[in-house]
N, C-alpha and C. Protein backbone atom coordinates (compact mmCIF):
# COMPACT_ATOMS: atom_id res chain seq x y z
N MET A 1 116.08 -34.32 -9.56
CA MET A 1 115.68 -33.60 -8.37
C MET A 1 114.66 -34.39 -7.57
N SER A 2 113.69 -35.00 -8.25
CA SER A 2 112.67 -35.75 -7.54
C SER A 2 113.24 -37.01 -6.90
N GLU A 3 114.31 -37.58 -7.50
CA GLU A 3 114.94 -38.76 -6.91
C GLU A 3 115.59 -38.40 -5.56
N LYS A 4 116.15 -37.22 -5.50
CA LYS A 4 116.79 -36.78 -4.26
C LYS A 4 115.75 -36.64 -3.15
N ILE A 5 114.58 -36.09 -3.47
CA ILE A 5 113.51 -35.94 -2.48
C ILE A 5 113.01 -37.31 -2.03
N MET A 6 112.90 -38.25 -2.95
CA MET A 6 112.45 -39.61 -2.61
C MET A 6 113.46 -40.28 -1.67
N GLU A 7 114.74 -40.09 -1.92
CA GLU A 7 115.76 -40.69 -1.06
C GLU A 7 115.68 -40.08 0.34
N GLN A 8 115.42 -38.79 0.42
CA GLN A 8 115.31 -38.15 1.73
C GLN A 8 114.11 -38.69 2.49
N ARG A 9 113.02 -38.93 1.80
CA ARG A 9 111.83 -39.48 2.46
C ARG A 9 112.09 -40.90 2.97
N ILE A 10 112.82 -41.68 2.21
CA ILE A 10 113.12 -43.05 2.61
C ILE A 10 114.05 -43.03 3.83
N GLU A 11 114.99 -42.10 3.88
CA GLU A 11 115.95 -42.05 4.94
C GLU A 11 115.39 -41.46 6.23
N LYS A 12 114.22 -40.83 6.17
CA LYS A 12 113.65 -40.25 7.38
C LYS A 12 113.34 -41.35 8.40
N TYR A 13 113.59 -41.04 9.62
CA TYR A 13 113.35 -41.99 10.71
C TYR A 13 111.90 -41.81 11.16
N LYS A 14 111.13 -42.84 11.05
CA LYS A 14 109.71 -42.75 11.38
C LYS A 14 109.51 -42.65 12.89
N LEU A 15 108.51 -41.90 13.27
CA LEU A 15 108.20 -41.72 14.69
C LEU A 15 107.82 -43.05 15.34
N SER A 16 107.07 -43.86 14.62
CA SER A 16 106.68 -45.16 15.19
C SER A 16 107.90 -46.04 15.45
N GLN A 17 108.87 -45.99 14.54
CA GLN A 17 110.09 -46.77 14.72
C GLN A 17 110.90 -46.23 15.90
N ALA A 18 110.93 -44.91 16.02
CA ALA A 18 111.63 -44.30 17.15
C ALA A 18 110.99 -44.72 18.46
N PHE A 19 109.67 -44.77 18.49
CA PHE A 19 108.95 -45.19 19.70
C PHE A 19 109.27 -46.64 20.05
N LYS A 20 109.29 -47.50 19.03
CA LYS A 20 109.61 -48.92 19.26
C LYS A 20 111.03 -49.07 19.81
N ASP A 21 111.97 -48.38 19.18
CA ASP A 21 113.37 -48.47 19.62
C ASP A 21 113.53 -47.89 21.02
N GLY A 22 112.85 -46.78 21.29
CA GLY A 22 112.91 -46.17 22.62
C GLY A 22 112.31 -47.07 23.67
N SER A 23 111.21 -47.74 23.34
CA SER A 23 110.57 -48.66 24.29
C SER A 23 111.48 -49.83 24.60
N LYS A 24 112.12 -50.37 23.57
CA LYS A 24 113.04 -51.48 23.78
C LYS A 24 114.21 -51.07 24.67
N ALA A 25 114.73 -49.88 24.40
CA ALA A 25 115.85 -49.38 25.21
C ALA A 25 115.42 -49.16 26.66
N PHE A 26 114.22 -48.63 26.85
CA PHE A 26 113.69 -48.38 28.19
C PHE A 26 113.55 -49.68 28.97
N ILE A 27 112.97 -50.68 28.32
CA ILE A 27 112.77 -51.98 28.98
C ILE A 27 114.13 -52.63 29.27
N ALA A 28 115.04 -52.57 28.31
CA ALA A 28 116.36 -53.16 28.52
C ALA A 28 117.08 -52.48 29.68
N PHE A 29 116.97 -51.16 29.77
CA PHE A 29 117.61 -50.42 30.86
C PHE A 29 117.10 -50.90 32.20
N TRP A 30 115.78 -51.03 32.36
CA TRP A 30 115.23 -51.44 33.65
C TRP A 30 115.53 -52.89 33.98
N VAL A 31 115.53 -53.75 32.98
CA VAL A 31 115.88 -55.16 33.22
C VAL A 31 117.32 -55.26 33.72
N ILE A 32 118.22 -54.57 33.05
CA ILE A 32 119.63 -54.58 33.47
C ILE A 32 119.78 -53.96 34.85
N THR A 33 119.05 -52.87 35.11
CA THR A 33 119.12 -52.22 36.41
C THR A 33 118.69 -53.16 37.53
N PHE A 34 117.58 -53.88 37.33
CA PHE A 34 117.10 -54.80 38.38
C PHE A 34 118.05 -55.97 38.57
N ILE A 35 118.66 -56.45 37.49
CA ILE A 35 119.63 -57.54 37.62
C ILE A 35 120.84 -57.07 38.42
N VAL A 36 121.36 -55.91 38.08
CA VAL A 36 122.53 -55.38 38.78
C VAL A 36 122.19 -55.07 40.23
N PHE A 37 121.01 -54.47 40.46
CA PHE A 37 120.59 -54.15 41.83
C PHE A 37 120.46 -55.42 42.67
N GLY A 38 119.87 -56.46 42.10
CA GLY A 38 119.74 -57.73 42.81
C GLY A 38 121.08 -58.34 43.13
N PHE A 39 122.01 -58.27 42.18
CA PHE A 39 123.35 -58.81 42.41
C PHE A 39 124.06 -58.05 43.52
N LEU A 40 124.01 -56.71 43.46
CA LEU A 40 124.68 -55.91 44.48
C LEU A 40 124.05 -56.10 45.85
N ARG A 41 122.74 -56.25 45.88
CA ARG A 41 122.06 -56.47 47.16
C ARG A 41 122.48 -57.82 47.74
N GLY A 42 122.57 -58.82 46.88
CA GLY A 42 123.04 -60.14 47.33
C GLY A 42 124.45 -60.08 47.88
N CYS A 43 125.30 -59.31 47.22
CA CYS A 43 126.67 -59.15 47.71
C CYS A 43 126.69 -58.44 49.07
N ALA A 44 125.85 -57.42 49.22
CA ALA A 44 125.79 -56.69 50.49
C ALA A 44 125.28 -57.59 51.60
N ASP A 45 124.27 -58.41 51.30
CA ASP A 45 123.75 -59.34 52.31
C ASP A 45 124.82 -60.34 52.73
N GLU A 46 125.55 -60.85 51.74
CA GLU A 46 126.62 -61.81 52.04
C GLU A 46 127.72 -61.15 52.89
N GLN A 47 128.06 -59.92 52.56
CA GLN A 47 129.06 -59.19 53.33
C GLN A 47 128.59 -59.01 54.77
N HIS A 48 127.33 -58.68 54.95
CA HIS A 48 126.78 -58.49 56.29
C HIS A 48 126.84 -59.79 57.10
N VAL A 49 126.49 -60.90 56.46
CA VAL A 49 126.55 -62.20 57.13
C VAL A 49 127.99 -62.53 57.51
N ASN A 50 128.93 -62.25 56.61
CA ASN A 50 130.34 -62.52 56.92
C ASN A 50 130.82 -61.68 58.09
N GLU A 51 130.38 -60.43 58.16
CA GLU A 51 130.77 -59.58 59.29
C GLU A 51 130.18 -60.10 60.60
N LEU A 52 128.94 -60.56 60.56
CA LEU A 52 128.32 -61.12 61.77
C LEU A 52 129.07 -62.37 62.23
N LYS A 53 129.44 -63.22 61.27
CA LYS A 53 130.20 -64.43 61.62
C LYS A 53 131.54 -64.08 62.23
N ALA A 54 132.21 -63.07 61.68
CA ALA A 54 133.51 -62.66 62.21
C ALA A 54 133.36 -62.13 63.63
N LYS A 55 132.33 -61.34 63.89
CA LYS A 55 132.10 -60.83 65.25
C LYS A 55 131.79 -61.96 66.21
N GLU A 56 131.00 -62.92 65.74
CA GLU A 56 130.65 -64.07 66.59
C GLU A 56 131.89 -64.89 66.91
N ASN A 57 132.74 -65.12 65.92
CA ASN A 57 133.97 -65.88 66.14
C ASN A 57 134.90 -65.15 67.11
N LEU A 58 134.96 -63.83 66.97
CA LEU A 58 135.79 -63.03 67.88
C LEU A 58 135.25 -63.13 69.30
N TYR A 59 133.93 -63.06 69.46
CA TYR A 59 133.31 -63.16 70.77
C TYR A 59 133.59 -64.53 71.40
N VAL A 60 133.47 -65.58 70.59
CA VAL A 60 133.73 -66.94 71.10
C VAL A 60 135.19 -67.07 71.48
N ARG A 61 136.09 -66.53 70.69
CA ARG A 61 137.52 -66.61 70.98
C ARG A 61 137.84 -65.89 72.29
N VAL A 62 137.24 -64.74 72.52
CA VAL A 62 137.47 -64.01 73.77
C VAL A 62 136.94 -64.82 74.95
N GLN A 63 135.78 -65.47 74.80
CA GLN A 63 135.21 -66.26 75.88
C GLN A 63 136.07 -67.48 76.19
N VAL A 64 136.60 -68.13 75.13
CA VAL A 64 137.39 -69.35 75.32
C VAL A 64 138.77 -69.03 75.87
N GLU A 65 139.43 -68.04 75.28
CA GLU A 65 140.79 -67.72 75.69
C GLU A 65 140.83 -66.84 76.93
N GLY A 66 139.76 -66.16 77.19
CA GLY A 66 139.72 -65.27 78.34
C GLY A 66 140.31 -63.91 78.00
N ALA A 67 139.78 -62.92 78.63
CA ALA A 67 140.30 -61.56 78.40
C ALA A 67 141.53 -61.35 79.24
N ASN A 68 142.59 -60.90 78.62
CA ASN A 68 143.84 -60.66 79.36
C ASN A 68 143.96 -59.23 79.79
């Protein structure tokens, strides 16, 4: 009977360990979030630049070819 109680005590998850694991997960979540956010923002900036270039090219084409 006492061996069973000892095994249960060993298997208990310590609060300090839970705090460490939770802290690691929290930090990992924010690091991944900032990496993904930075990547998506870079993609959005690139898309915006591409749209501006397309509008500029269209404007130049209308000026060169003339409006019909």
